[in-house]
């Protein structure tokens, strides 16, 4: 079995990955993610300590316009 087969795909995005996907700056993405975290809309955001993680399924549905 290949080592790649043993890896578990991540089920969350980091803020940096969301920043790249949306093409916006660091300051703006953190302000945006903080607002989304407080409202939990339009997608879910999880805060662990001072780090944010965004569930891929929730974000992908939002970015693709799926309710």
N, C-alpha and C. Protein backbone atom coordinates (compact mmCIF):
# COMPACT_ATOMS: atom_id res chain seq x y z
N UNK A 1 0.85 -1.18 0.00
CA UNK A 1 0.00 0.00 0.00
C UNK A 1 0.89 1.24 0.00
N UNK A 2 0.61 2.17 -0.86
CA UNK A 2 1.37 3.39 -1.01
C UNK A 2 1.12 4.33 0.17
N UNK A 3 2.14 5.07 0.56
CA UNK A 3 2.01 6.01 1.69
C UNK A 3 0.90 7.02 1.45
N UNK A 4 0.72 7.43 0.20
CA UNK A 4 -0.35 8.39 -0.13
C UNK A 4 -1.72 7.81 0.19
N UNK A 5 -1.87 6.52 0.06
CA UNK A 5 -3.15 5.87 0.35
C UNK A 5 -3.47 5.90 1.85
N UNK A 6 -2.44 6.03 2.68
CA UNK A 6 -2.63 6.02 4.12
C UNK A 6 -2.96 7.39 4.70
N UNK A 7 -2.78 8.44 3.91
CA UNK A 7 -3.07 9.79 4.40
C UNK A 7 -4.57 10.01 4.47
N UNK A 8 -4.96 10.75 5.48
CA UNK A 8 -6.37 11.13 5.61
C UNK A 8 -6.49 12.54 5.06
N UNK A 9 -7.43 12.75 4.14
CA UNK A 9 -7.60 14.10 3.61
C UNK A 9 -8.18 15.00 4.69
N UNK A 10 -7.68 16.20 4.70
CA UNK A 10 -8.16 17.19 5.66
C UNK A 10 -9.62 17.51 5.37
N UNK A 11 -10.37 17.66 6.43
CA UNK A 11 -11.78 17.97 6.29
C UNK A 11 -12.06 19.44 6.59
N UNK A 12 -11.00 20.19 6.81
CA UNK A 12 -11.15 21.63 7.10
C UNK A 12 -10.13 22.42 6.29
N UNK A 13 -10.48 23.69 6.07
CA UNK A 13 -9.56 24.65 5.47
C UNK A 13 -8.96 25.50 6.58
N UNK A 14 -7.75 25.99 6.35
CA UNK A 14 -7.17 26.99 7.23
C UNK A 14 -7.58 28.36 6.70
N UNK A 15 -7.37 29.39 7.52
CA UNK A 15 -7.67 30.75 7.07
C UNK A 15 -6.81 31.09 5.86
N UNK A 16 -5.57 30.65 5.86
CA UNK A 16 -4.68 30.94 4.74
C UNK A 16 -5.19 30.31 3.44
N UNK A 17 -5.75 29.12 3.52
CA UNK A 17 -6.31 28.47 2.33
C UNK A 17 -7.54 29.23 1.83
N UNK A 18 -8.38 29.67 2.75
CA UNK A 18 -9.56 30.46 2.37
C UNK A 18 -9.11 31.78 1.74
N UNK A 19 -8.07 32.39 2.30
CA UNK A 19 -7.52 33.63 1.77
C UNK A 19 -7.11 33.44 0.31
N UNK A 20 -6.41 32.35 0.03
CA UNK A 20 -5.98 32.08 -1.35
C UNK A 20 -7.17 31.81 -2.26
N UNK A 21 -8.14 31.05 -1.77
CA UNK A 21 -9.32 30.74 -2.58
C UNK A 21 -10.10 31.99 -2.95
N UNK A 22 -10.22 32.93 -2.00
CA UNK A 22 -10.99 34.14 -2.24
C UNK A 22 -10.16 35.28 -2.83
N UNK A 23 -8.84 35.16 -2.75
CA UNK A 23 -7.97 36.17 -3.33
C UNK A 23 -8.02 37.51 -2.62
N UNK A 24 -8.08 37.49 -1.28
CA UNK A 24 -8.10 38.74 -0.53
C UNK A 24 -6.94 38.77 0.46
N UNK A 25 -6.66 39.93 1.01
CA UNK A 25 -5.52 40.12 1.89
C UNK A 25 -5.71 39.51 3.27
N UNK A 26 -4.60 39.42 3.97
CA UNK A 26 -4.57 38.80 5.30
C UNK A 26 -5.45 39.53 6.32
N UNK A 27 -5.35 40.83 6.38
CA UNK A 27 -6.13 41.59 7.35
C UNK A 27 -7.63 41.43 7.08
N UNK A 28 -8.01 41.55 5.82
CA UNK A 28 -9.43 41.44 5.47
C UNK A 28 -9.98 40.04 5.72
N UNK A 29 -9.19 39.00 5.43
CA UNK A 29 -9.71 37.64 5.63
C UNK A 29 -9.92 37.35 7.11
N UNK A 30 -9.01 37.79 7.96
CA UNK A 30 -9.19 37.55 9.39
C UNK A 30 -10.40 38.31 9.94
N UNK A 31 -10.61 39.54 9.49
CA UNK A 31 -11.79 40.29 9.91
C UNK A 31 -13.07 39.59 9.42
N UNK A 32 -13.05 39.12 8.18
CA UNK A 32 -14.21 38.42 7.62
C UNK A 32 -14.49 37.12 8.37
N UNK A 33 -13.46 36.32 8.60
CA UNK A 33 -13.64 35.04 9.28
C UNK A 33 -14.13 35.25 10.71
N UNK A 34 -13.66 36.27 11.39
CA UNK A 34 -14.14 36.58 12.75
C UNK A 34 -15.63 36.89 12.72
N UNK A 35 -16.09 37.66 11.74
CA UNK A 35 -17.52 37.95 11.59
C UNK A 35 -18.33 36.71 11.29
N UNK A 36 -17.81 35.86 10.41
CA UNK A 36 -18.51 34.61 10.07
C UNK A 36 -18.56 33.71 11.30
N UNK A 37 -17.48 33.67 12.07
CA UNK A 37 -17.45 32.86 13.29
C UNK A 37 -18.55 33.29 14.26
N UNK A 38 -18.70 34.58 14.45
CA UNK A 38 -19.72 35.09 15.38
C UNK A 38 -21.13 34.77 14.90
N UNK A 39 -21.37 34.89 13.60
CA UNK A 39 -22.72 34.66 13.05
C UNK A 39 -22.96 33.21 12.65
N UNK A 40 -21.86 32.46 12.39
CA UNK A 40 -21.93 31.10 11.84
C UNK A 40 -22.71 31.08 10.53
N UNK A 41 -22.61 32.17 9.79
CA UNK A 41 -23.21 32.30 8.47
C UNK A 41 -22.28 33.12 7.61
N UNK A 42 -22.12 32.88 6.37
CA UNK A 42 -22.84 31.96 5.50
C UNK A 42 -22.28 30.53 5.52
N UNK A 43 -21.23 30.29 6.30
CA UNK A 43 -20.68 28.94 6.47
C UNK A 43 -20.17 28.81 7.90
N UNK A 44 -19.84 27.58 8.30
CA UNK A 44 -19.39 27.33 9.67
C UNK A 44 -17.92 27.68 9.84
N UNK A 45 -17.58 28.15 11.02
CA UNK A 45 -16.18 28.40 11.38
C UNK A 45 -15.99 27.85 12.79
N UNK A 46 -14.91 27.12 12.99
CA UNK A 46 -14.57 26.54 14.29
C UNK A 46 -13.35 27.29 14.81
N UNK A 47 -13.38 27.67 16.08
CA UNK A 47 -12.24 28.34 16.69
C UNK A 47 -11.64 27.41 17.74
N UNK A 48 -10.35 27.17 17.62
CA UNK A 48 -9.63 26.32 18.56
C UNK A 48 -8.49 27.19 19.11
N UNK A 49 -8.66 27.64 20.34
CA UNK A 49 -7.69 28.59 20.88
C UNK A 49 -7.78 29.87 20.07
N UNK A 50 -6.66 30.23 19.44
CA UNK A 50 -6.65 31.43 18.59
C UNK A 50 -6.69 31.09 17.11
N UNK A 51 -6.83 29.81 16.79
CA UNK A 51 -6.85 29.36 15.39
C UNK A 51 -8.27 29.11 14.92
N UNK A 52 -8.49 29.39 13.66
CA UNK A 52 -9.78 29.13 13.03
C UNK A 52 -9.63 27.99 12.04
N UNK A 53 -10.66 27.17 11.94
CA UNK A 53 -10.74 26.13 10.92
C UNK A 53 -12.13 26.21 10.31
N UNK A 54 -12.19 26.01 9.00
CA UNK A 54 -13.44 26.12 8.27
C UNK A 54 -13.74 24.76 7.66
N UNK A 55 -14.84 24.11 8.09
CA UNK A 55 -15.19 22.81 7.50
C UNK A 55 -15.36 22.92 5.98
N UNK A 56 -14.68 22.05 5.26
CA UNK A 56 -14.70 22.09 3.80
C UNK A 56 -16.11 21.97 3.24
N UNK A 57 -16.87 21.05 3.77
CA UNK A 57 -18.22 20.83 3.23
C UNK A 57 -19.06 22.10 3.32
N UNK A 58 -19.03 22.77 4.47
CA UNK A 58 -19.81 23.98 4.67
C UNK A 58 -19.34 25.10 3.74
N UNK A 59 -18.02 25.32 3.67
CA UNK A 59 -17.48 26.39 2.81
C UNK A 59 -17.74 26.08 1.34
N UNK A 60 -17.51 24.84 0.92
CA UNK A 60 -17.69 24.47 -0.49
C UNK A 60 -19.14 24.64 -0.92
N UNK A 61 -20.08 24.32 -0.05
CA UNK A 61 -21.50 24.54 -0.39
C UNK A 61 -21.77 26.02 -0.59
N UNK A 62 -21.22 26.85 0.29
CA UNK A 62 -21.43 28.30 0.17
C UNK A 62 -20.80 28.84 -1.11
N UNK A 63 -19.55 28.49 -1.37
CA UNK A 63 -18.86 29.05 -2.53
C UNK A 63 -19.48 28.58 -3.84
N UNK A 64 -20.09 27.40 -3.82
CA UNK A 64 -20.74 26.86 -5.02
C UNK A 64 -22.22 27.22 -5.12
N UNK A 65 -22.72 28.00 -4.14
CA UNK A 65 -24.10 28.46 -4.17
C UNK A 65 -25.13 27.40 -3.86
N UNK A 66 -24.72 26.38 -3.10
CA UNK A 66 -25.63 25.30 -2.74
C UNK A 66 -26.14 25.56 -1.32
N UNK A 67 -27.44 25.49 -1.15
CA UNK A 67 -28.03 25.74 0.17
C UNK A 67 -27.90 24.57 1.07
